[in-house]
Amino acid sequence: MRKNRYLRGFLISPGYSYAQKLILLELLATKRKLAAYLDLREQVEEDNVLLRDADYVKSYVGISTETLYRLQRDGYICVAKRTRNKRYYRDVDVERLRNSYRGSQ
């Protein structure tokens, strides 16, 4: 019960210290990332999403493996599915990444 109360919404009041505000902002960012990830998982489970593997993404966008890892870590693209040590990304996310990384052509 107590956990749900804290997850519903975080309020940053003037009484908090600077460190507490930073922690709350990090928690809010993590909460948004988790919500986006759960939405992504639901879409993939519906089986109407076109998935692309990491090799396709690297060649299509024109980036290296390290750059793909960095973009993934920074939140520019999210892994939709992992099977047999392969990462799969949604085609929509790959197009968005290409347009933002290389510019619309």
PDB file of N, CA and C in Angstrom:
ATOM      1  N   MET A   1       0.819  -1.187   0.000  1.00  0.00           N
ATOM      2  CA  MET A   1       0.000   0.000   0.000  1.00  0.00           C
ATOM      3  C   MET A   1       0.867   1.257   0.000  1.00  0.00           C
ATOM      4  N   ARG A   2       1.871   1.259   0.824  1.00  0.00           N
ATOM      5  CA  ARG A   2       2.739   2.420   0.925  1.00  0.00           C
ATOM      6  C   ARG A   2       3.502   2.647  -0.377  1.00  0.00           C
ATOM      7  N   LYS A   3       3.948   1.559  -1.012  1.00  0.00           N
ATOM      8  CA  LYS A   3       4.693   1.668  -2.264  1.00  0.00           C
ATOM      9  C   LYS A   3       3.829   2.292  -3.355  1.00  0.00           C
ATOM     10  N   ASN A   4       2.584   1.883  -3.455  1.00  0.00           N
ATOM     11  CA  ASN A   4       1.696   2.423  -4.472  1.00  0.00           C
ATOM     12  C   ASN A   4       1.458   3.910  -4.279  1.00  0.00           C
ATOM     13  N   ARG A   5       1.399   4.337  -3.041  1.00  0.00           N
ATOM     14  CA  ARG A   5       1.188   5.756  -2.779  1.00  0.00           C
ATOM     15  C   ARG A   5       2.349   6.577  -3.330  1.00  0.00           C
ATOM     16  N   TYR A   6       3.557   6.084  -3.187  1.00  0.00           N
ATOM     17  CA  TYR A   6       4.709   6.817  -3.684  1.00  0.00           C
ATOM     18  C   TYR A   6       4.844   6.734  -5.195  1.00  0.00           C
ATOM     19  N   LEU A   7       4.371   5.672  -5.796  1.00  0.00           N
ATOM     20  CA  LEU A   7       4.507   5.537  -7.241  1.00  0.00           C
ATOM     21  C   LEU A   7       3.468   6.342  -8.009  1.00  0.00           C
ATOM     22  N   ARG A   8       2.364   6.680  -7.391  1.00  0.00           N
ATOM     23  CA  ARG A   8       1.305   7.398  -8.113  1.00  0.00           C
ATOM     24  C   ARG A   8       1.746   8.782  -8.547  1.00  0.00           C
ATOM     25  N   GLY A   9       2.453   9.476  -7.744  1.00  0.00           N
ATOM     26  CA  GLY A   9       2.896  10.814  -8.132  1.00  0.00           C
ATOM     27  C   GLY A   9       3.884  11.367  -7.139  1.00  0.00           C
ATOM     28  N   PHE A  10       4.878  12.037  -7.653  1.00  0.00           N
ATOM     29  CA  PHE A  10       5.879  12.656  -6.802  1.00  0.00           C
ATOM     30  C   PHE A  10       5.666  14.156  -6.842  1.00  0.00           C
ATOM     31  N   LEU A  11       5.639  14.759  -5.692  1.00  0.00           N
ATOM     32  CA  LEU A  11       5.512  16.201  -5.606  1.00  0.00           C
ATOM     33  C   LEU A  11       6.814  16.760  -5.060  1.00  0.00           C
ATOM     34  N   ILE A  12       7.321  17.771  -5.728  1.00  0.00           N
ATOM     35  CA  ILE A  12       8.548  18.407  -5.278  1.00  0.00           C
ATOM     36  C   ILE A  12       8.142  19.691  -4.582  1.00  0.00           C
ATOM     37  N   SER A  13       8.233  19.692  -3.271  1.00  0.00           N
ATOM     38  CA  SER A  13       7.839  20.869  -2.507  1.00  0.00           C
ATOM     39  C   SER A  13       9.077  21.669  -2.138  1.00  0.00           C
ATOM     40  N   PRO A  14       8.893  22.927  -1.799  1.00  0.00           N
ATOM     41  CA  PRO A  14      10.043  23.770  -1.434  1.00  0.00           C
ATOM     42  C   PRO A  14      10.778  23.301  -0.183  1.00  0.00           C
ATOM     43  N   GLY A  15      10.146  22.464   0.630  1.00  0.00           N
ATOM     44  CA  GLY A  15      10.774  22.012   1.863  1.00  0.00           C
ATOM     45  C   GLY A  15      11.859  20.969   1.668  1.00  0.00           C
ATOM     46  N   TYR A  16      11.935  20.362   0.492  1.00  0.00           N
ATOM     47  CA  TYR A  16      12.933  19.329   0.244  1.00  0.00           C
ATOM     48  C   TYR A  16      14.313  19.949   0.012  1.00  0.00           C
ATOM     49  N   SER A  17      15.317  19.193   0.366  1.00  0.00           N
ATOM     50  CA  SER A  17      16.676  19.652   0.099  1.00  0.00           C
ATOM     51  C   SER A  17      17.003  19.446  -1.381  1.00  0.00           C
ATOM     52  N   TYR A  18      18.117  20.012  -1.804  1.00  0.00           N
ATOM     53  CA  TYR A  18      18.517  19.914  -3.204  1.00  0.00           C
ATOM     54  C   TYR A  18      18.759  18.462  -3.601  1.00  0.00           C
ATOM     55  N   ALA A  19      19.382  17.682  -2.732  1.00  0.00           N
ATOM     56  CA  ALA A  19      19.656  16.271  -3.029  1.00  0.00           C
ATOM     57  C   ALA A  19      18.353  15.491  -3.159  1.00  0.00           C
ATOM     58  N   GLN A  20      17.387  15.787  -2.291  1.00  0.00           N
ATOM     59  CA  GLN A  20      16.099  15.102  -2.386  1.00  0.00           C
ATOM     60  C   GLN A  20      15.390  15.439  -3.687  1.00  0.00           C
ATOM     61  N   LYS A  21      15.489  16.675  -4.122  1.00  0.00           N
ATOM     62  CA  LYS A  21      14.873  17.076  -5.394  1.00  0.00           C
ATOM     63  C   LYS A  21      15.513  16.331  -6.564  1.00  0.00           C
ATOM     64  N   LEU A  22      16.830  16.205  -6.535  1.00  0.00           N
ATOM     65  CA  LEU A  22      17.521  15.477  -7.601  1.00  0.00           C
ATOM     66  C   LEU A  22      17.105  14.015  -7.627  1.00  0.00           C
ATOM     67  N   ILE A  23      16.977  13.410  -6.460  1.00  0.00           N
ATOM     68  CA  ILE A  23      16.558  12.009  -6.380  1.00  0.00           C
ATOM     69  C   ILE A  23      15.148  11.846  -6.913  1.00  0.00           C
ATOM     70  N   LEU A  24      14.257  12.764  -6.545  1.00  0.00           N
ATOM     71  CA  LEU A  24      12.881  12.693  -7.036  1.00  0.00           C
ATOM     72  C   LEU A  24      12.813  12.872  -8.554  1.00  0.00           C
ATOM     73  N   LEU A  25      13.625  13.759  -9.088  1.00  0.00           N
ATOM     74  CA  LEU A  25      13.652  13.942 -10.545  1.00  0.00           C
ATOM     75  C   LEU A  25      14.152  12.687 -11.248  1.00  0.00           C
ATOM     76  N   GLU A  26      15.160  12.027 -10.668  1.00  0.00           N
ATOM     77  CA  GLU A  26      15.654  10.761 -11.232  1.00  0.00           C
ATOM     78  C   GLU A  26      14.584   9.687 -11.176  1.00  0.00           C
ATOM     79  N   LEU A  27      13.847   9.633 -10.065  1.00  0.00           N
ATOM     80  CA  LEU A  27      12.759   8.661  -9.949  1.00  0.00           C
ATOM     81  C   LEU A  27      11.660   8.914 -10.976  1.00  0.00           C
ATOM     82  N   LEU A  28      11.334  10.172 -11.209  1.00  0.00           N
ATOM     83  CA  LEU A  28      10.329  10.505 -12.208  1.00  0.00           C
ATOM     84  C   LEU A  28      10.779  10.087 -13.604  1.00  0.00           C
ATOM     85  N   ALA A  29      12.044  10.319 -13.912  1.00  0.00           N
ATOM     86  CA  ALA A  29      12.572   9.919 -15.221  1.00  0.00           C
ATOM     87  C   ALA A  29      12.540   8.408 -15.376  1.00  0.00           C
ATOM     88  N   THR A  30      12.900   7.692 -14.325  1.00  0.00           N
ATOM     89  CA  THR A  30      12.871   6.229 -14.365  1.00  0.00           C
ATOM     90  C   THR A  30      11.444   5.721 -14.503  1.00  0.00           C
ATOM     91  N   LYS A  31      10.517   6.356 -13.829  1.00  0.00           N
ATOM     92  CA  LYS A  31       9.105   5.973 -13.927  1.00  0.00           C
ATOM     93  C   LYS A  31       8.599   6.144 -15.359  1.00  0.00           C
ATOM     94  N   ARG A  32       8.981   7.246 -16.010  1.00  0.00           N
ATOM     95  CA  ARG A  32       8.568   7.471 -17.406  1.00  0.00           C
ATOM     96  C   ARG A  32       9.168   6.414 -18.329  1.00  0.00           C
ATOM     97  N   LYS A  33      10.444   6.069 -18.098  1.00  0.00           N
ATOM     98  CA  LYS A  33      11.089   5.055 -18.934  1.00  0.00           C
ATOM     99  C   LYS A  33      10.423   3.694 -18.762  1.00  0.00           C
ATOM    100  N   LEU A  34      10.081   3.351 -17.532  1.00  0.00           N
ATOM    101  CA  LEU A  34       9.422   2.070 -17.285  1.00  0.00           C
ATOM    102  C   LEU A  34       8.035   2.023 -17.915  1.00  0.00           C
ATOM    103  N   ALA A  35       7.309   3.114 -17.846  1.00  0.00           N
ATOM    104  CA  ALA A  35       5.982   3.163 -18.462  1.00  0.00           C
ATOM    105  C   ALA A  35       6.087   3.000 -19.975  1.00  0.00           C
ATOM    106  N   ALA A  36       7.070   3.658 -20.575  1.00  0.00           N
ATOM    107  CA  ALA A  36       7.264   3.525 -22.024  1.00  0.00           C
ATOM    108  C   ALA A  36       7.664   2.100 -22.390  1.00  0.00           C
ATOM    109  N   TYR A  37       8.508   1.491 -21.556  1.00  0.00           N
ATOM    110  CA  TYR A  37       8.940   0.121 -21.813  1.00  0.00           C
ATOM    111  C   TYR A  37       7.770  -0.849 -21.712  1.00  0.00           C
ATOM    112  N   LEU A  38       6.902  -0.664 -20.731  1.00  0.00           N
ATOM    113  CA  LEU A  38       5.745  -1.550 -20.591  1.00  0.00           C
ATOM    114  C   LEU A  38       4.788  -1.403 -21.769  1.00  0.00           C
ATOM    115  N   ASP A  39       4.608  -0.181 -22.252  1.00  0.00           N
ATOM    116  CA  ASP A  39       3.782   0.015 -23.447  1.00  0.00           C
ATOM    117  C   ASP A  39       4.398  -0.687 -24.648  1.00  0.00           C
ATOM    118  N   LEU A  40       5.711  -0.603 -24.765  1.00  0.00           N
ATOM    119  CA  LEU A  40       6.412  -1.263 -25.864  1.00  0.00           C
ATOM    120  C   LEU A  40       6.242  -2.773 -25.789  1.00  0.00           C
ATOM    121  N   ARG A  41       6.366  -3.334 -24.599  1.00  0.00           N
ATOM    122  CA  ARG A  41       6.199  -4.783 -24.437  1.00  0.00           C
ATOM    123  C   ARG A  41       4.800  -5.240 -24.826  1.00  0.00           C
ATOM    124  N   GLU A  42       3.789  -4.454 -24.474  1.00  0.00           N
ATOM    125  CA  GLU A  42       2.423  -4.805 -24.838  1.00  0.00           C
ATOM    126  C   GLU A  42       2.237  -4.792 -26.356  1.00  0.00           C
ATOM    127  N   GLN A  43       2.837  -3.833 -27.034  1.00  0.00           N
ATOM    128  CA  GLN A  43       2.722  -3.764 -28.490  1.00  0.00           C
ATOM    129  C   GLN A  43       3.415  -4.938 -29.152  1.00  0.00           C
ATOM    130  N   VAL A  44       4.568  -5.330 -28.648  1.00  0.00           N
ATOM    131  CA  VAL A  44       5.313  -6.446 -29.239  1.00  0.00           C
ATOM    132  C   VAL A  44       4.560  -7.748 -29.026  1.00  0.00           C
ATOM    133  N   GLU A  45       3.933  -7.907 -27.869  1.00  0.00           N
ATOM    134  CA  GLU A  45       3.195  -9.137 -27.591  1.00  0.00           C
ATOM    135  C   GLU A  45       1.967  -9.284 -28.479  1.00  0.00           C
ATOM    136  N   GLU A  46       1.453  -8.180 -29.020  1.00  0.00           N
ATOM    137  CA  GLU A  46       0.313  -8.254 -29.921  1.00  0.00           C
ATOM    138  C   GLU A  46       0.702  -8.792 -31.302  1.00  0.00           C
ATOM    139  N   ASP A  47       1.968  -8.912 -31.594  1.00  0.00           N
ATOM    140  CA  ASP A  47       2.510  -9.484 -32.830  1.00  0.00           C
ATOM    141  C   ASP A  47       2.128  -8.718 -34.096  1.00  0.00           C
ATOM    142  N   ASN A  48       1.829  -7.445 -33.998  1.00  0.00           N
ATOM    143  CA  ASN A  48       1.562  -6.671 -35.199  1.00  0.00           C
ATOM    144  C   ASN A  48       2.631  -5.602 -35.422  1.00  0.00           C
ATOM    145  N   VAL A  49       3.806  -5.818 -34.840  1.00  0.00           N
ATOM    146  CA  VAL A  49       4.898  -4.866 -34.937  1.00  0.00           C
ATOM    147  C   VAL A  49       6.023  -5.487 -35.754  1.00  0.00           C
ATOM    148  N   LEU A  50       6.545  -4.733 -36.717  1.00  0.00           N
ATOM    149  CA  LEU A  50       7.674  -5.186 -37.514  1.00  0.00           C
ATOM    150  C   LEU A  50       8.955  -4.940 -36.723  1.00  0.00           C
ATOM    151  N   LEU A  51       9.738  -6.006 -36.506  1.00  0.00           N
ATOM    152  CA  LEU A  51      10.972  -5.913 -35.735  1.00  0.00           C
ATOM    153  C   LEU A  51      12.180  -6.031 -36.645  1.00  0.00           C
ATOM    154  N   ARG A  52      13.218  -5.285 -36.319  1.00  0.00           N
ATOM    155  CA  ARG A  52      14.486  -5.316 -37.060  1.00  0.00           C
ATOM    156  C   ARG A  52      15.610  -5.681 -36.106  1.00  0.00           C
ATOM    157  N   ASP A  53      16.556  -6.484 -36.598  1.00  0.00           N
ATOM    158  CA  ASP A  53      17.668  -6.862 -35.735  1.00  0.00           C
ATOM    159  C   ASP A  53      18.731  -5.768 -35.722  1.00  0.00           C
ATOM    160  N   ALA A  54      19.713  -5.926 -34.825  1.00  0.00           N
ATOM    161  CA  ALA A  54      20.722  -4.893 -34.618  1.00  0.00           C
ATOM    162  C   ALA A  54      21.586  -4.679 -35.858  1.00  0.00           C
ATOM    163  N   ASP A  55      21.881  -5.733 -36.609  1.00  0.00           N
ATOM    164  CA  ASP A  55      22.692  -5.579 -37.822  1.00  0.00           C
ATOM    165  C   ASP A  55      21.982  -4.706 -38.848  1.00  0.00           C
ATOM    166  N   TYR A  56      20.683  -4.904 -38.986  1.00  0.00           N
ATOM    167  CA  TYR A  56      19.911  -4.072 -39.914  1.00  0.00           C
ATOM    168  C   TYR A  56      19.934  -2.611 -39.469  1.00  0.00           C
ATOM    169  N   VAL A  57      19.765  -2.385 -38.169  1.00  0.00           N
ATOM    170  CA  VAL A  57      19.743  -1.017 -37.647  1.00  0.00           C
ATOM    171  C   VAL A  57      21.077  -0.331 -37.899  1.00  0.00           C
ATOM    172  N   LYS A  58      22.169  -1.055 -37.636  1.00  0.00           N
ATOM    173  CA  LYS A  58      23.499  -0.469 -37.835  1.00  0.00           C
ATOM    174  C   LYS A  58      23.737  -0.116 -39.296  1.00  0.00           C
ATOM    175  N   SER A  59      23.361  -0.989 -40.206  1.00  0.00           N
ATOM    176  CA  SER A  59      23.591  -0.704 -41.618  1.00  0.00           C
ATOM    177  C   SER A  59      22.629   0.360 -42.149  1.00  0.00           C
ATOM    178  N   TYR A  60      21.392   0.360 -41.694  1.00  0.00           N
ATOM    179  CA  TYR A  60      20.393   1.310 -42.190  1.00  0.00           C
ATOM    180  C   TYR A  60      20.678   2.727 -41.707  1.00  0.00           C
ATOM    181  N   VAL A  61      21.039   2.851 -40.435  1.00  0.00           N
ATOM    182  CA  VAL A  61      21.328   4.170 -39.883  1.00  0.00           C
ATOM    183  C   VAL A  61      22.757   4.589 -40.223  1.00  0.00           C
ATOM    184  N   GLY A  62      23.646   3.610 -40.371  1.00  0.00           N
ATOM    185  CA  GLY A  62      25.035   3.908 -40.692  1.00  0.00           C
ATOM    186  C   GLY A  62      25.869   4.191 -39.462  1.00  0.00           C
ATOM    187  N   ILE A  63      25.723   3.359 -38.446  1.00  0.00           N
ATOM    188  CA  ILE A  63      26.446   3.550 -37.189  1.00  0.00           C
ATOM    189  C   ILE A  63      27.152   2.257 -36.805  1.00  0.00           C
ATOM    190  N   SER A  64      28.052   2.371 -35.852  1.00  0.00           N
ATOM    191  CA  SER A  64      28.780   1.197 -35.383  1.00  0.00           C
ATOM    192  C   SER A  64      28.033   0.553 -34.210  1.00  0.00           C
ATOM    193  N   THR A  65      28.540  -0.593 -33.778  1.00  0.00           N
ATOM    194  CA  THR A  65      27.935  -1.296 -32.652  1.00  0.00           C
ATOM    195  C   THR A  65      28.029  -0.466 -31.377  1.00  0.00           C
ATOM    196  N   GLU A  66      29.172   0.171 -31.153  1.00  0.00           N
ATOM    197  CA  GLU A  66      29.346   0.986 -29.955  1.00  0.00           C
ATOM    198  C   GLU A  66      28.385   2.164 -29.943  1.00  0.00           C
ATOM    199  N   THR A  67      28.176   2.779 -31.112  1.00  0.00           N
ATOM    200  CA  THR A  67      27.246   3.902 -31.192  1.00  0.00           C
ATOM    201  C   THR A  67      25.820   3.444 -30.923  1.00  0.00           C
ATOM    202  N   LEU A  68      25.465   2.272 -31.438  1.00  0.00           N
ATOM    203  CA  LEU A  68      24.126   1.743 -31.175  1.00  0.00           C
ATOM    204  C   LEU A  68      23.933   1.482 -29.687  1.00  0.00           C
ATOM    205  N   TYR A  69      24.949   0.919 -29.018  1.00  0.00           N
ATOM    206  CA  TYR A  69      24.877   0.706 -27.573  1.00  0.00           C
ATOM    207  C   TYR A  69      24.721   2.036 -26.825  1.00  0.00           C
ATOM    208  N   ARG A  70      25.484   3.045 -27.271  1.00  0.00           N
ATOM    209  CA  ARG A  70      25.417   4.351 -26.613  1.00  0.00           C
ATOM    210  C   ARG A  70      24.045   4.988 -26.799  1.00  0.00           C
ATOM    211  N   LEU A  71      23.503   4.920 -28.007  1.00  0.00           N
ATOM    212  CA  LEU A  71      22.170   5.477 -28.257  1.00  0.00           C
ATOM    213  C   LEU A  71      21.105   4.731 -27.464  1.00  0.00           C
ATOM    214  N   GLN A  72      21.287   3.438 -27.329  1.00  0.00           N
ATOM    215  CA  GLN A  72      20.354   2.635 -26.537  1.00  0.00           C
ATOM    216  C   GLN A  72      20.449   3.015 -25.065  1.00  0.00           C
ATOM    217  N   ARG A  73      21.660   3.169 -24.560  1.00  0.00           N
ATOM    218  CA  ARG A  73      21.864   3.531 -23.156  1.00  0.00           C
ATOM    219  C   ARG A  73      21.315   4.923 -22.856  1.00  0.00           C
ATOM    220  N   ASP A  74      21.437   5.852 -23.807  1.00  0.00           N
ATOM    221  CA  ASP A  74      20.962   7.220 -23.606  1.00  0.00           C
ATOM    222  C   ASP A  74      19.462   7.369 -23.850  1.00  0.00           C
ATOM    223  N   GLY A  75      18.819   6.304 -24.332  1.00  0.00           N
ATOM    224  CA  GLY A  75      17.373   6.326 -24.466  1.00  0.00           C
ATOM    225  C   GLY A  75      16.847   6.760 -25.816  1.00  0.00           C
ATOM    226  N   TYR A  76      17.700   6.836 -26.834  1.00  0.00           N
ATOM    227  CA  TYR A  76      17.232   7.224 -28.157  1.00  0.00           C
ATOM    228  C   TYR A  76      16.506   6.090 -28.869  1.00  0.00           C
ATOM    229  N   ILE A  77      16.832   4.863 -28.528  1.00  0.00           N
ATOM    230  CA  ILE A  77      16.164   3.703 -29.106  1.00  0.00           C
ATOM    231  C   ILE A  77      16.077   2.640 -28.010  1.00  0.00           C
ATOM    232  N   CYS A  78      15.008   1.880 -28.050  1.00  0.00           N
ATOM    233  CA  CYS A  78      14.759   0.893 -26.999  1.00  0.00           C
ATOM    234  C   CYS A  78      14.677  -0.501 -27.622  1.00  0.00           C
ATOM    235  N   VAL A  79      15.258  -1.480 -26.947  1.00  0.00           N
ATOM    236  CA  VAL A  79      15.185  -2.863 -27.413  1.00  0.00           C
ATOM    237  C   VAL A  79      13.764  -3.358 -27.193  1.00  0.00           C
ATOM    238  N   ALA A  80      13.158  -3.865 -28.264  1.00  0.00           N
ATOM    239  CA  ALA A  80      11.782  -4.354 -28.165  1.00  0.00           C
ATOM    240  C   ALA A  80      11.736  -5.812 -27.738  1.00  0.00           C
ATOM    241  N   LYS A  81      12.744  -6.582 -28.147  1.00  0.00           N
ATOM    242  CA  LYS A  81      12.726  -8.008 -27.861  1.00  0.00           C
ATOM    243  C   LYS A  81      14.154  -8.540 -27.900  1.00  0.00           C
ATOM    244  N   ARG A  82      14.426  -9.535 -27.044  1.00  0.00           N
ATOM    245  CA  ARG A  82      15.723 -10.212 -27.044  1.00  0.00           C
ATOM    246  C   ARG A  82      15.464 -11.709 -27.125  1.00  0.00           C
ATOM    247  N   THR A  83      16.058 -12.342 -28.106  1.00  0.00           N
ATOM    248  CA  THR A  83      15.995 -13.793 -28.207  1.00  0.00           C
ATOM    249  C   THR A  83      17.331 -14.299 -28.714  1.00  0.00           C
ATOM    250  N   ARG A  84      17.811 -15.335 -28.074  1.00  0.00           N
ATOM    251  CA  ARG A  84      19.068 -15.974 -28.464  1.00  0.00           C
ATOM    252  C   ARG A  84      20.206 -14.973 -28.648  1.00  0.00           C
ATOM    253  N   ASN A  85      20.352 -14.095 -27.667  1.00  0.00           N
ATOM    254  CA  ASN A  85      21.412 -13.081 -27.670  1.00  0.00           C
ATOM    255  C   ASN A  85      21.350 -12.137 -28.858  1.00  0.00           C
ATOM    256  N   LYS A  86      20.176 -11.950 -29.435  1.00  0.00           N
ATOM    257  CA  LYS A  86      19.988 -10.965 -30.495  1.00  0.00           C
ATOM    258  C   LYS A  86      19.009  -9.917 -30.015  1.00  0.00           C
ATOM    259  N   ARG A  87      19.278  -8.692 -30.376  1.00  0.00           N
ATOM    260  CA  ARG A  87      18.403  -7.582 -30.009  1.00  0.00           C
ATOM    261  C   ARG A  87      17.555  -7.188 -31.213  1.00  0.00           C
ATOM    262  N   TYR A  88      16.288  -6.966 -30.968  1.00  0.00           N
ATOM    263  CA  TYR A  88      15.368  -6.551 -32.014  1.00  0.00           C
ATOM    264  C   TYR A  88      14.741  -5.212 -31.643  1.00  0.00           C
ATOM    265  N   TYR A  89      14.616  -4.349 -32.643  1.00  0.00           N
ATOM    266  CA  TYR A  89      14.070  -3.018 -32.446  1.00  0.00           C
ATOM    267  C   TYR A  89      12.842  -2.846 -33.339  1.00  0.00           C
ATOM    268  N   ARG A  90      11.900  -2.021 -32.902  1.00  0.00           N
ATOM    269  CA  ARG A  90      10.723  -1.742 -33.732  1.00  0.00           C
ATOM    270  C   ARG A  90      11.146  -0.930 -34.947  1.00  0.00           C
ATOM    271  N   ASP A  91      10.513  -1.205 -36.072  1.00  0.00           N
ATOM    272  CA  ASP A  91      10.831  -0.503 -37.309  1.00  0.00           C
ATOM    273  C   ASP A  91      10.526   0.990 -37.184  1.00  0.00           C
ATOM    274  N   VAL A  92       9.479   1.328 -36.470  1.00  0.00           N
ATOM    275  CA  VAL A  92       9.127   2.732 -36.256  1.00  0.00           C
ATOM    276  C   VAL A  92      10.239   3.456 -35.516  1.00  0.00           C
ATOM    277  N   ASP A  93      10.813   2.807 -34.507  1.00  0.00           N
ATOM    278  CA  ASP A  93      11.912   3.418 -33.750  1.00  0.00           C
ATOM    279  C   ASP A  93      13.175   3.544 -34.599  1.00  0.00           C
ATOM    280  N   VAL A  94      13.397   2.577 -35.471  1.00  0.00           N
ATOM    281  CA  VAL A  94      14.567   2.636 -36.356  1.00  0.00           C
ATOM    282  C   VAL A  94      14.442   3.821 -37.314  1.00  0.00           C
ATOM    283  N   GLU A  95      13.254   4.020 -37.877  1.00  0.00           N
ATOM    284  CA  GLU A  95      13.032   5.162 -38.778  1.00  0.00           C
ATOM    285  C   GLU A  95      13.212   6.484 -38.039  1.00  0.00           C
ATOM    286  N   ARG A  96      12.672   6.555 -36.826  1.00  0.00           N
ATOM    287  CA  ARG A  96      12.794   7.775 -36.030  1.00  0.00           C
ATOM    288  C   ARG A  96      14.252   8.052 -35.694  1.00  0.00           C
ATOM    289  N   LEU A  97      14.999   7.004 -35.348  1.00  0.00           N
ATOM    290  CA  LEU A  97      16.416   7.159 -35.034  1.00  0.00           C
ATOM    291  C   LEU A  97      17.191   7.632 -36.258  1.00  0.00           C
ATOM    292  N   ARG A  98      16.903   7.056 -37.405  1.00  0.00           N
ATOM    293  CA  ARG A  98      17.610   7.458 -38.631  1.00  0.00           C
ATOM    294  C   ARG A  98      17.337   8.913 -38.972  1.00  0.00           C
ATOM    295  N   ASN A  99      16.073   9.314 -38.846  1.00  0.00           N
ATOM    296  CA  ASN A  99      15.728  10.702 -39.157  1.00  0.00           C
ATOM    297  C   ASN A  99      16.361  11.682 -38.172  1.00  0.00           C
ATOM    298  N   SER A 100      16.421  11.303 -36.903  1.00  0.00           N
ATOM    299  CA  SER A 100      17.016  12.215 -35.926  1.00  0.00           C
ATOM    300  C   SER A 100      18.542  12.184 -35.986  1.00  0.00           C
ATOM    301  N   TYR A 101      19.123  11.035 -36.313  1.00  0.00           N
ATOM    302  CA  TYR A 101      20.586  10.920 -36.318  1.00  0.00           C
ATOM    303  C   TYR A 101      21.192  11.457 -37.619  1.00  0.00           C
ATOM    304  N   ARG A 102      20.573  11.121 -38.726  1.00  0.00           N
ATOM    305  CA  ARG A 102      21.095  11.539 -40.024  1.00  0.00           C
ATOM    306  C   ARG A 102      20.357  12.732 -40.619  1.00  0.00           C
ATOM    307  N   GLY A 103      19.219  13.078 -40.040  1.00  0.00           N
ATOM    308  CA  GLY A 103      18.401  14.146 -40.606  1.00  0.00           C
ATOM    309  C   GLY A 103      17.496  13.572 -41.677  1.00  0.00           C
ATOM    310  N   SER A 104      16.345  14.195 -41.867  1.00  0.00           N
ATOM    311  CA  SER A 104      15.392  13.687 -42.875  1.00  0.00           C
ATOM    312  C   SER A 104      15.936  13.996 -44.261  1.00  0.00           C
ATOM    313  N   GLN A 105      15.946  12.979 -45.094  1.00  0.00           N
ATOM    314  CA  GLN A 105      16.522  13.131 -46.441  1.00  0.00           C
ATOM    315  C   GLN A 105      15.482  12.889 -47.492  1.00  0.00           C
TER     316      GLN A 105
END
